[in-house]
Amino acid sequence: MIAPVIYLDTPSETDSALISGVNALRYHLDATFGYQLYRPYRNTGPSAAMTTARFVSYASGSRLNVGYSADNDPQSRICGLLVSAPADDYYGWALCYGQGTVRADNDIAANAELTVESSNASPTVAGSVDDTAVTTIEHTLVGIAVTAVASFSSGDTLTMDVRHLL
């Protein structure tokens, strides 16, 4: 039997202590994006505060410690999409299902399948997404673009439907 998923009041919450159990799921009903699922993580990646709207992946051997996702990280390593900017060694919640805002890496068509890709933007932004042609990288898909990005410039964001991360 699967236990009920507990409601999360404030997905942007960060704390110096673990917010819930490792691998716990919490749901949130967002006024803009609707039903979302979140899981906890600990910022151990950049040795500084992280930035929102970017994907993070688990460190080797961990289901809690994260750093920014690398290009084409497989779904099994990706924790989720940041909705807060936790300081180094702080805990937060990552969006692992539902709609959210993400950094783009290039022009992106609406309804395109998305992977983590950061090599097109200048400067590169780890944890951002692109609609790279999907041929042999199906295992790296993180969701679908809800809105488009045309005439890309650094810092552009889009709404995406995060999938495949549960």
Foldseek 3Di string as FASTA:
>chain_A
DDDDAAADDDQQDKFLDWPDDQPHKHWYQDPPWGIWIKGKAWEAAPQFWADFQFWWFADPPDSHYTYFAEFLDFLAGTRAGGPYTDTHNMMGIHTQFTKDKHFAQAWAAAFAFKFFDFPRAVVTDGRGIHSPDDDPRPRRTQFGFHHTGPPDHGPDMGMTGGDDND
